[in-house]
Amino acid sequence: MRIELPSKLHASSSHSLRPGESQGVAASNPHFLHAGQVFVSAKAESVVLILGSCVAVCIWDPFNAVGGATHYLLPTWDGRGAASPRYGNVAISALLQRLVEQGADRTQLRAKIFGGGCLFDSMRAPAANKDHLGSRNVDVAVEILAKERIPIETTNVGAHAGLRIVFQTGTGAATVNSL
């Protein structure tokens, strides 16, 4: 069963995938995840995400083959208006809830973080680079995953170009390509 919504954890050792590096073969007929969405599946599915300063957090339970992803635009919801998975703190919370609802064991969860790029030359200046939107989006993911004690197995963040990610919900495998 799939659950889709329109659009805080423990980092262990992590390494980065280089553009074009693959951790598995993409399944046919993938699900495209737009910004502000959460997708979870208890069956093997491919999820495709296109990222710039947005961040994708992909989480899966390798023992129960349940996985999912979220694609968010902004780091944190300020409490005004409706909570939305356009915000990292809301999106990751929703992703974790849906994973458990679909049969994932919270103690077995693993994560990957992608995106958080700085695509504009003017934002790459040394003083501005630390606090650009993409960087803040990544920081929220790392903080939430550390708080929830979910190890981060892979990161590919802070690129100067967009990324195309294909994530496999059943295995956690991911393919990363620069755009």
N, C-alpha and C. Protein backbone atom coordinates (compact mmCIF):
# COMPACT_ATOMS: atom_id res chain seq x y z
N MET A 1 0.83 -1.18 0.00
CA MET A 1 0.00 0.00 0.00
C MET A 1 0.88 1.24 0.00
N ARG A 2 0.53 2.25 -0.77
CA ARG A 2 1.27 3.49 -0.84
C ARG A 2 0.50 4.58 -0.13
N ILE A 3 1.24 5.45 0.53
CA ILE A 3 0.64 6.63 1.12
C ILE A 3 1.39 7.82 0.57
N GLU A 4 0.65 8.82 0.09
CA GLU A 4 1.28 10.00 -0.47
C GLU A 4 0.59 11.23 0.08
N LEU A 5 1.38 12.18 0.51
CA LEU A 5 0.85 13.45 0.99
C LEU A 5 1.32 14.54 0.04
N PRO A 6 0.47 15.55 -0.26
CA PRO A 6 1.02 16.69 -0.99
C PRO A 6 2.10 17.34 -0.11
N SER A 7 2.80 17.88 -1.12
CA SER A 7 3.80 18.49 -0.34
C SER A 7 3.44 19.80 0.31
N LYS A 8 13.54 13.94 14.35
CA LYS A 8 14.73 14.78 14.36
C LYS A 8 15.83 13.94 14.97
N LEU A 9 17.32 13.55 14.07
CA LEU A 9 17.70 12.16 14.06
C LEU A 9 19.23 11.89 14.26
N HIS A 10 19.87 10.64 14.48
CA HIS A 10 21.28 10.42 14.82
C HIS A 10 22.11 10.06 13.60
N ALA A 11 23.01 10.93 13.24
CA ALA A 11 23.88 10.70 12.09
C ALA A 11 25.07 9.87 12.52
N SER A 12 25.23 8.74 11.89
CA SER A 12 26.45 7.97 12.12
C SER A 12 27.38 8.30 10.97
N SER A 13 28.30 7.42 10.68
CA SER A 13 29.22 7.73 9.59
C SER A 13 28.45 7.86 8.28
N SER A 14 28.91 8.77 7.45
CA SER A 14 28.27 8.96 6.17
C SER A 14 29.32 9.15 5.11
N HIS A 15 28.97 8.85 3.88
CA HIS A 15 29.85 9.10 2.77
C HIS A 15 29.01 9.64 1.63
N SER A 16 29.65 10.21 0.66
CA SER A 16 28.92 10.82 -0.44
C SER A 16 29.00 9.97 -1.69
N LEU A 17 27.91 9.97 -2.43
CA LEU A 17 27.92 9.40 -3.77
C LEU A 17 28.37 10.48 -4.72
N ARG A 18 29.17 10.13 -5.66
CA ARG A 18 29.56 11.08 -6.70
C ARG A 18 28.48 11.09 -7.77
N PRO A 19 28.34 12.21 -8.49
CA PRO A 19 27.34 12.27 -9.56
C PRO A 19 27.50 11.08 -10.49
N GLY A 20 26.38 10.45 -10.82
CA GLY A 20 26.38 9.30 -11.71
C GLY A 20 26.63 7.98 -11.01
N GLU A 21 27.07 8.00 -9.75
CA GLU A 21 27.34 6.78 -9.01
C GLU A 21 26.02 6.15 -8.61
N SER A 22 25.94 4.84 -8.69
CA SER A 22 24.69 4.14 -8.43
C SER A 22 24.85 3.19 -7.26
N GLN A 23 23.78 3.03 -6.50
CA GLN A 23 23.76 2.00 -5.46
C GLN A 23 22.65 1.00 -5.77
N GLY A 24 22.28 0.87 -6.99
CA GLY A 24 21.25 -0.09 -7.36
C GLY A 24 20.62 0.29 -8.68
N VAL A 25 19.89 -0.63 -9.24
CA VAL A 25 19.27 -0.43 -10.54
C VAL A 25 17.85 0.10 -10.33
N ALA A 26 17.50 1.12 -11.08
CA ALA A 26 16.16 1.71 -10.99
C ALA A 26 15.12 0.75 -11.55
N ALA A 27 14.02 0.61 -10.83
CA ALA A 27 12.91 -0.20 -11.31
C ALA A 27 12.14 0.58 -12.36
N SER A 28 11.39 -0.14 -13.20
CA SER A 28 10.61 0.55 -14.22
C SER A 28 9.40 1.22 -13.59
N ASN A 29 8.82 2.18 -14.32
CA ASN A 29 7.62 2.89 -13.88
C ASN A 29 7.79 3.58 -12.53
N PRO A 30 8.74 4.50 -12.43
CA PRO A 30 9.01 5.15 -11.14
C PRO A 30 7.93 6.14 -10.74
N HIS A 31 7.91 6.46 -9.46
CA HIS A 31 7.01 7.47 -8.91
C HIS A 31 7.80 8.78 -8.82
N PHE A 32 7.30 9.86 -9.44
CA PHE A 32 7.98 11.15 -9.38
C PHE A 32 7.49 11.90 -8.15
N LEU A 33 8.42 12.30 -7.30
CA LEU A 33 8.09 13.00 -6.05
C LEU A 33 8.34 14.49 -6.21
N HIS A 34 7.27 15.26 -6.21
CA HIS A 34 7.36 16.71 -6.33
C HIS A 34 7.73 17.33 -4.98
N ALA A 35 8.19 18.57 -5.03
CA ALA A 35 8.48 19.31 -3.80
C ALA A 35 7.21 19.41 -2.97
N GLY A 36 7.35 19.17 -1.68
CA GLY A 36 6.22 19.24 -0.77
C GLY A 36 5.45 17.94 -0.66
N GLN A 37 6.05 16.83 -1.10
CA GLN A 37 5.37 15.53 -1.03
C GLN A 37 6.16 14.54 -0.18
N VAL A 38 5.42 13.56 0.31
CA VAL A 38 5.98 12.43 1.05
C VAL A 38 5.45 11.17 0.39
N PHE A 39 6.31 10.18 0.19
CA PHE A 39 5.91 8.92 -0.43
C PHE A 39 6.48 7.77 0.38
N VAL A 40 5.65 6.77 0.69
CA VAL A 40 6.09 5.58 1.41
C VAL A 40 5.47 4.36 0.76
N SER A 41 6.24 3.27 0.71
CA SER A 41 5.72 2.04 0.14
C SER A 41 6.27 0.83 0.89
N ALA A 42 5.41 -0.15 1.08
CA ALA A 42 5.82 -1.42 1.68
C ALA A 42 6.15 -2.44 0.59
N LYS A 43 6.15 -1.98 -0.68
CA LYS A 43 6.62 -2.85 -1.76
C LYS A 43 7.72 -2.11 -2.50
N ALA A 44 8.53 -2.82 -3.24
CA ALA A 44 9.65 -2.21 -3.94
C ALA A 44 9.16 -1.25 -5.01
N GLU A 45 9.54 0.00 -4.87
CA GLU A 45 9.17 1.05 -5.83
C GLU A 45 10.38 1.92 -6.08
N SER A 46 10.40 2.57 -7.24
CA SER A 46 11.41 3.58 -7.54
C SER A 46 10.79 4.95 -7.35
N VAL A 47 11.54 5.85 -6.71
CA VAL A 47 11.10 7.21 -6.51
C VAL A 47 12.13 8.13 -7.17
N VAL A 48 11.65 9.02 -8.03
CA VAL A 48 12.53 9.95 -8.73
C VAL A 48 12.32 11.34 -8.15
N LEU A 49 13.43 12.04 -7.88
CA LEU A 49 13.39 13.40 -7.33
C LEU A 49 14.36 14.27 -8.11
N ILE A 50 13.96 15.50 -8.40
CA ILE A 50 14.84 16.49 -9.01
C ILE A 50 15.05 17.59 -7.97
N LEU A 51 16.32 17.85 -7.63
CA LEU A 51 16.64 18.74 -6.51
C LEU A 51 17.60 19.84 -6.90
N GLY A 52 17.42 20.98 -6.26
CA GLY A 52 18.37 22.09 -6.32
C GLY A 52 18.70 22.42 -4.88
N SER A 53 18.11 23.50 -4.36
CA SER A 53 18.29 23.83 -2.94
C SER A 53 17.36 23.00 -2.06
N CYS A 54 16.35 22.36 -2.67
CA CYS A 54 15.47 21.45 -1.93
C CYS A 54 16.28 20.26 -1.43
N VAL A 55 15.72 19.56 -0.46
CA VAL A 55 16.37 18.37 0.08
C VAL A 55 15.44 17.18 -0.01
N ALA A 56 16.01 16.04 -0.32
CA ALA A 56 15.31 14.76 -0.25
C ALA A 56 15.90 13.97 0.91
N VAL A 57 15.03 13.50 1.78
CA VAL A 57 15.43 12.57 2.83
C VAL A 57 14.78 11.25 2.47
N CYS A 58 15.62 10.25 2.26
CA CYS A 58 15.16 8.91 1.90
C CYS A 58 15.46 8.00 3.09
N ILE A 59 14.44 7.30 3.56
CA ILE A 59 14.59 6.43 4.74
C ILE A 59 13.99 5.08 4.42
N TRP A 60 14.65 4.04 4.86
CA TRP A 60 14.13 2.69 4.64
C TRP A 60 14.53 1.77 5.78
N ASP A 61 13.76 0.69 5.90
CA ASP A 61 14.03 -0.39 6.85
C ASP A 61 14.51 -1.56 6.00
N PRO A 62 15.81 -1.88 6.02
CA PRO A 62 16.33 -2.93 5.16
C PRO A 62 15.83 -4.33 5.50
N PHE A 63 15.36 -4.54 6.72
CA PHE A 63 14.91 -5.86 7.12
C PHE A 63 13.46 -6.12 6.75
N ASN A 64 12.64 -5.09 6.74
CA ASN A 64 11.23 -5.24 6.38
C ASN A 64 10.92 -4.71 4.99
N ALA A 65 11.92 -4.20 4.28
CA ALA A 65 11.79 -3.70 2.91
C ALA A 65 10.68 -2.66 2.77
N VAL A 66 10.64 -1.74 3.73
CA VAL A 66 9.70 -0.62 3.70
C VAL A 66 10.54 0.64 3.57
N GLY A 67 10.18 1.50 2.64
CA GLY A 67 10.96 2.71 2.49
C GLY A 67 10.14 3.85 1.94
N GLY A 68 10.73 5.03 2.01
CA GLY A 68 10.04 6.20 1.50
C GLY A 68 10.97 7.39 1.42
N ALA A 69 10.41 8.47 0.91
CA ALA A 69 11.19 9.69 0.73
C ALA A 69 10.31 10.90 0.90
N THR A 70 10.94 12.02 1.19
CA THR A 70 10.27 13.29 1.19
C THR A 70 11.13 14.29 0.44
N HIS A 71 10.49 15.28 -0.13
CA HIS A 71 11.15 16.31 -0.93
C HIS A 71 10.61 17.64 -0.41
N TYR A 72 11.46 18.39 0.31
CA TYR A 72 10.96 19.63 0.90
C TYR A 72 11.74 20.85 0.43
N LEU A 73 11.05 22.01 0.53
CA LEU A 73 11.55 23.28 0.01
C LEU A 73 12.24 24.16 1.05
N LEU A 74 11.72 24.15 2.26
CA LEU A 74 12.15 25.07 3.31
C LEU A 74 12.48 24.30 4.58
N PRO A 75 13.39 24.82 5.40
CA PRO A 75 13.84 24.06 6.57
C PRO A 75 12.79 23.80 7.64
N THR A 76 12.16 24.85 8.16
CA THR A 76 11.25 24.65 9.29
C THR A 76 9.97 25.47 9.15
N TRP A 77 8.90 24.88 9.64
CA TRP A 77 7.61 25.54 9.71
C TRP A 77 7.63 26.47 10.91
N ASP A 78 7.18 27.71 10.72
CA ASP A 78 7.22 28.70 11.79
C ASP A 78 5.96 28.70 12.67
N GLY A 79 5.04 27.81 12.41
CA GLY A 79 3.84 27.72 13.23
C GLY A 79 2.68 28.53 12.69
N ARG A 80 2.93 29.36 11.69
CA ARG A 80 1.84 30.15 11.10
C ARG A 80 1.23 29.37 9.94
N GLY A 81 -0.09 29.50 9.78
CA GLY A 81 -0.76 28.78 8.70
C GLY A 81 -0.76 27.28 8.98
N ALA A 82 -1.04 26.53 7.96
CA ALA A 82 -1.12 25.07 8.10
C ALA A 82 0.26 24.44 8.00
N ALA A 83 0.50 23.43 8.83
CA ALA A 83 1.73 22.65 8.73
C ALA A 83 1.71 21.94 7.38
N SER A 84 2.84 21.90 6.71
CA SER A 84 2.91 21.33 5.37
C SER A 84 4.24 20.62 5.17
N PRO A 85 4.24 19.53 4.40
CA PRO A 85 5.50 18.86 4.11
C PRO A 85 6.40 19.65 3.15
N ARG A 86 6.04 20.90 2.88
CA ARG A 86 6.98 21.79 2.18
C ARG A 86 8.13 22.16 3.11
N TYR A 87 7.93 21.95 4.41
CA TYR A 87 8.92 22.27 5.44
C TYR A 87 9.59 20.99 5.93
N GLY A 88 10.91 21.03 6.08
CA GLY A 88 11.66 19.85 6.47
C GLY A 88 11.21 19.19 7.75
N ASN A 89 10.99 19.98 8.80
CA ASN A 89 10.62 19.37 10.07
C ASN A 89 9.26 18.67 9.98
N VAL A 90 8.33 19.22 9.24
CA VAL A 90 7.01 18.59 9.06
C VAL A 90 7.13 17.37 8.15
N ALA A 91 7.88 17.51 7.06
CA ALA A 91 8.02 16.43 6.08
C ALA A 91 8.69 15.19 6.67
N ILE A 92 9.77 15.38 7.42
CA ILE A 92 10.48 14.24 7.98
C ILE A 92 9.64 13.55 9.04
N SER A 93 8.93 14.32 9.84
CA SER A 93 8.03 13.74 10.84
C SER A 93 6.95 12.90 10.16
N ALA A 94 6.36 13.43 9.09
CA ALA A 94 5.33 12.69 8.35
C ALA A 94 5.91 11.43 7.73
N LEU A 95 7.11 11.52 7.18
CA LEU A 95 7.76 10.35 6.58
C LEU A 95 7.97 9.26 7.62
N LEU A 96 8.48 9.62 8.79
CA LEU A 96 8.70 8.62 9.85
C LEU A 96 7.40 7.97 10.30
N GLN A 97 6.37 8.77 10.46
CA GLN A 97 5.06 8.24 10.86
C GLN A 97 4.54 7.24 9.83
N ARG A 98 4.62 7.59 8.55
CA ARG A 98 4.11 6.70 7.49
C ARG A 98 4.93 5.42 7.38
N LEU A 99 6.23 5.52 7.59
CA LEU A 99 7.07 4.32 7.55
C LEU A 99 6.64 3.31 8.61
N VAL A 100 6.44 3.79 9.83
CA VAL A 100 6.01 2.91 10.92
C VAL A 100 4.62 2.35 10.63
N GLU A 101 3.72 3.17 10.11
CA GLU A 101 2.37 2.71 9.74
C GLU A 101 2.42 1.61 8.69
N GLN A 102 3.42 1.63 7.84
CA GLN A 102 3.55 0.63 6.77
C GLN A 102 4.34 -0.61 7.21
N GLY A 103 4.78 -0.65 8.47
CA GLY A 103 5.44 -1.85 8.99
C GLY A 103 6.94 -1.74 9.19
N ALA A 104 7.51 -0.56 9.04
CA ALA A 104 8.94 -0.41 9.29
C ALA A 104 9.22 -0.49 10.80
N ASP A 105 10.34 -1.07 11.14
CA ASP A 105 10.82 -1.12 12.53
C ASP A 105 11.70 0.11 12.74
N ARG A 106 11.29 1.00 13.61
CA ARG A 106 12.00 2.26 13.83
C ARG A 106 13.46 2.06 14.20
N THR A 107 13.76 0.95 14.88
CA THR A 107 15.15 0.70 15.29
C THR A 107 16.03 0.25 14.13
N GLN A 108 15.43 -0.10 12.99
CA GLN A 108 16.18 -0.58 11.83
C GLN A 108 16.33 0.47 10.73
N LEU A 109 15.74 1.63 10.91
CA LEU A 109 15.72 2.64 9.85
C LEU A 109 17.12 3.17 9.53
N ARG A 110 17.34 3.44 8.25
CA ARG A 110 18.57 4.02 7.72
C ARG A 110 18.18 5.18 6.82
N ALA A 111 19.06 6.17 6.68
CA ALA A 111 18.71 7.36 5.90
C ALA A 111 19.79 7.75 4.91
N LYS A 112 19.34 8.48 3.90
CA LYS A 112 20.21 9.13 2.91
C LYS A 112 19.66 10.53 2.73
N ILE A 113 20.57 11.49 2.55
CA ILE A 113 20.18 12.88 2.34
C ILE A 113 20.79 13.37 1.03
N PHE A 114 19.96 14.02 0.21
CA PHE A 114 20.40 14.53 -1.08
C PHE A 114 19.93 15.96 -1.27
N GLY A 115 20.65 16.72 -2.07
CA GLY A 115 20.23 18.07 -2.45
C GLY A 115 20.89 19.14 -1.62
N GLY A 116 20.12 20.18 -1.31
CA GLY A 116 20.66 21.28 -0.52
C GLY A 116 21.72 22.07 -1.25
N GLY A 117 21.57 22.14 -2.57
CA GLY A 117 22.57 22.81 -3.39
C GLY A 117 22.54 24.32 -3.29
N CYS A 118 23.58 24.90 -3.80
CA CYS A 118 23.69 26.35 -3.91
C CYS A 118 23.91 26.63 -5.39
N LEU A 119 22.83 26.87 -6.11
CA LEU A 119 22.88 26.93 -7.56
C LEU A 119 23.21 28.30 -8.13
N PHE A 120 23.24 29.33 -7.31
CA PHE A 120 23.46 30.68 -7.80
C PHE A 120 24.84 31.18 -7.40
N ASP A 121 25.60 31.68 -8.37
CA ASP A 121 26.95 32.18 -8.11
C ASP A 121 26.98 33.21 -6.98
N SER A 122 26.01 34.10 -6.95
CA SER A 122 26.01 35.16 -5.94
C SER A 122 25.88 34.61 -4.52
N MET A 123 25.31 33.42 -4.39
CA MET A 123 25.14 32.82 -3.05
C MET A 123 26.35 32.00 -2.63
N ARG A 124 27.32 31.84 -3.52
CA ARG A 124 28.49 31.02 -3.21
C ARG A 124 29.62 31.81 -2.57
N ALA A 125 29.44 33.09 -2.37
CA ALA A 125 30.48 33.88 -1.72
C ALA A 125 30.75 33.28 -0.35
N PRO A 126 31.99 33.28 0.10
CA PRO A 126 32.32 32.63 1.38
C PRO A 126 31.43 33.03 2.54
N ALA A 127 31.10 34.30 2.66
CA ALA A 127 30.27 34.73 3.79
C ALA A 127 28.84 34.23 3.66
N ALA A 128 28.30 34.19 2.46
CA ALA A 128 26.90 33.79 2.25
C ALA A 128 26.75 32.27 2.20
N ASN A 129 27.78 31.57 1.79
CA ASN A 129 27.69 30.14 1.53
C ASN A 129 27.24 29.33 2.74
N LYS A 130 27.64 29.70 3.95
CA LYS A 130 27.30 28.94 5.14
C LYS A 130 25.80 28.89 5.41
N ASP A 131 25.11 29.97 5.12
CA ASP A 131 23.71 30.06 5.51
C ASP A 131 22.73 30.10 4.35
N HIS A 132 23.13 29.62 3.18
CA HIS A 132 22.17 29.63 2.07
C HIS A 132 21.06 28.62 2.34
N LEU A 133 19.96 28.77 1.64
CA LEU A 133 18.77 27.96 1.87
C LEU A 133 19.07 26.46 1.81
N GLY A 134 19.82 26.02 0.82
CA GLY A 134 20.13 24.60 0.70
C GLY A 134 20.86 24.07 1.92
N SER A 135 21.81 24.84 2.42
CA SER A 135 22.57 24.45 3.60
C SER A 135 21.66 24.33 4.82
N ARG A 136 20.77 25.28 4.99
CA ARG A 136 19.83 25.23 6.12
C ARG A 136 18.89 24.04 5.99
N ASN A 137 18.48 23.70 4.76
CA ASN A 137 17.63 22.52 4.54
C ASN A 137 18.35 21.24 4.96
N VAL A 138 19.62 21.13 4.62
CA VAL A 138 20.40 19.95 5.00
C VAL A 138 20.57 19.89 6.51
N ASP A 139 20.88 21.02 7.14
CA ASP A 139 21.07 21.06 8.59
C ASP A 139 19.85 20.53 9.34
N VAL A 140 18.66 20.89 8.88
CA VAL A 140 17.43 20.41 9.53
C VAL A 140 17.35 18.89 9.45
N ALA A 141 17.64 18.33 8.30
CA ALA A 141 17.59 16.87 8.14
C ALA A 141 18.57 16.19 9.08
N VAL A 142 19.80 16.68 9.12
CA VAL A 142 20.82 16.07 9.97
C VAL A 142 20.42 16.17 11.44
N GLU A 143 19.92 17.32 11.86
CA GLU A 143 19.51 17.50 13.26
C GLU A 143 18.37 16.57 13.65
N ILE A 144 17.37 16.47 12.79
CA ILE A 144 16.22 15.62 13.10
C ILE A 144 16.63 14.15 13.13
N LEU A 145 17.40 13.72 12.15
CA LEU A 145 17.83 12.33 12.12
C LEU A 145 18.71 11.99 13.33
N ALA A 146 19.55 12.92 13.76
CA ALA A 146 20.37 12.69 14.96
C ALA A 146 19.49 12.55 16.19
N LYS A 147 18.50 13.43 16.32
CA LYS A 147 17.59 13.37 17.47
C LYS A 147 16.84 12.05 17.51
N GLU A 148 16.44 11.55 16.36
CA GLU A 148 15.69 10.30 16.27
C GLU A 148 16.58 9.06 16.23
N ARG A 149 17.90 9.27 16.26
CA ARG A 149 18.87 8.18 16.26
C ARG A 149 18.77 7.29 15.02
N ILE A 150 18.59 7.93 13.88
CA ILE A 150 18.55 7.21 12.61
C ILE A 150 19.86 7.49 11.90
N PRO A 151 20.67 6.45 11.66
CA PRO A 151 21.96 6.68 11.02
C PRO A 151 21.81 7.15 9.58
N ILE A 152 22.66 8.08 9.20
CA ILE A 152 22.72 8.56 7.83
C ILE A 152 23.82 7.79 7.13
N GLU A 153 23.45 7.00 6.14
CA GLU A 153 24.41 6.17 5.44
C GLU A 153 25.08 6.88 4.27
N THR A 154 24.39 7.80 3.65
CA THR A 154 24.93 8.48 2.47
C THR A 154 24.42 9.90 2.43
N THR A 155 25.29 10.81 1.99
CA THR A 155 24.86 12.16 1.68
C THR A 155 25.45 12.55 0.34
N ASN A 156 24.72 13.37 -0.38
CA ASN A 156 25.22 14.03 -1.59
C ASN A 156 24.54 15.39 -1.56
N VAL A 157 25.20 16.34 -0.91
CA VAL A 157 24.59 17.64 -0.62
C VAL A 157 25.53 18.78 -1.02
N GLY A 158 24.93 19.96 -1.19
CA GLY A 158 25.70 21.17 -1.42
C GLY A 158 26.28 21.33 -2.80
N ALA A 159 25.75 20.65 -3.78
CA ALA A 159 26.27 20.74 -5.15
C ALA A 159 25.99 22.12 -5.75
N HIS A 160 26.71 22.44 -6.81
CA HIS A 160 26.49 23.69 -7.54
C HIS A 160 25.64 23.46 -8.78
N ALA A 161 25.04 22.30 -8.88
CA ALA A 161 24.14 21.95 -9.98
C ALA A 161 22.99 21.14 -9.40
N GLY A 162 21.92 21.03 -10.15
CA GLY A 162 20.80 20.21 -9.71
C GLY A 162 21.17 18.74 -9.72
N LEU A 163 20.37 17.96 -9.02
CA LEU A 163 20.58 16.51 -8.95
C LEU A 163 19.30 15.78 -9.32
N ARG A 164 19.46 14.65 -9.97
CA ARG A 164 18.34 13.74 -10.23
C ARG A 164 18.65 12.48 -9.42
N ILE A 165 17.74 12.13 -8.53
CA ILE A 165 17.90 10.98 -7.64
C ILE A 165 16.86 9.94 -8.01
N VAL A 166 17.26 8.68 -8.05
CA VAL A 166 16.32 7.57 -8.16
C VAL A 166 16.57 6.70 -6.93
N PHE A 167 15.57 6.63 -6.06
CA PHE A 167 15.68 5.90 -4.80
C PHE A 167 14.79 4.66 -4.84
N GLN A 168 15.33 3.54 -4.38
CA GLN A 168 14.60 2.27 -4.34
C GLN A 168 14.07 2.04 -2.92
N THR A 169 12.75 2.05 -2.75
CA THR A 169 12.17 1.97 -1.41
C THR A 169 12.45 0.64 -0.71
N GLY A 170 12.55 -0.44 -1.45
CA GLY A 170 12.72 -1.75 -0.83
C GLY A 170 14.14 -2.05 -0.36
N THR A 171 15.12 -1.42 -1.02
CA THR A 171 16.52 -1.74 -0.71
C THR A 171 17.33 -0.56 -0.20
N GLY A 172 16.84 0.65 -0.43
CA GLY A 172 17.60 1.84 -0.07
C GLY A 172 18.63 2.23 -1.10
N ALA A 173 18.71 1.50 -2.20
CA ALA A 173 19.67 1.83 -3.25
C ALA A 173 19.28 3.17 -3.89
N ALA A 174 20.29 3.90 -4.33
CA ALA A 174 20.05 5.20 -4.96
C ALA A 174 21.01 5.45 -6.09
N THR A 175 20.52 6.12 -7.12
CA THR A 175 21.34 6.55 -8.24
C THR A 175 21.30 8.07 -8.25
N VAL A 176 22.45 8.71 -8.40
CA VAL A 176 22.55 10.16 -8.39
C VAL A 176 23.17 10.61 -9.70
N ASN A 177 22.52 11.59 -10.35
CA ASN A 177 23.06 12.19 -11.57
C ASN A 177 23.00 13.70 -11.45
N SER A 178 24.08 14.38 -11.88
CA SER A 178 24.08 15.84 -11.93
C SER A 178 23.29 16.29 -13.15
N LEU A 179 22.62 17.43 -13.00
CA LEU A 179 21.86 17.99 -14.11
C LEU A 179 22.59 19.18 -14.70
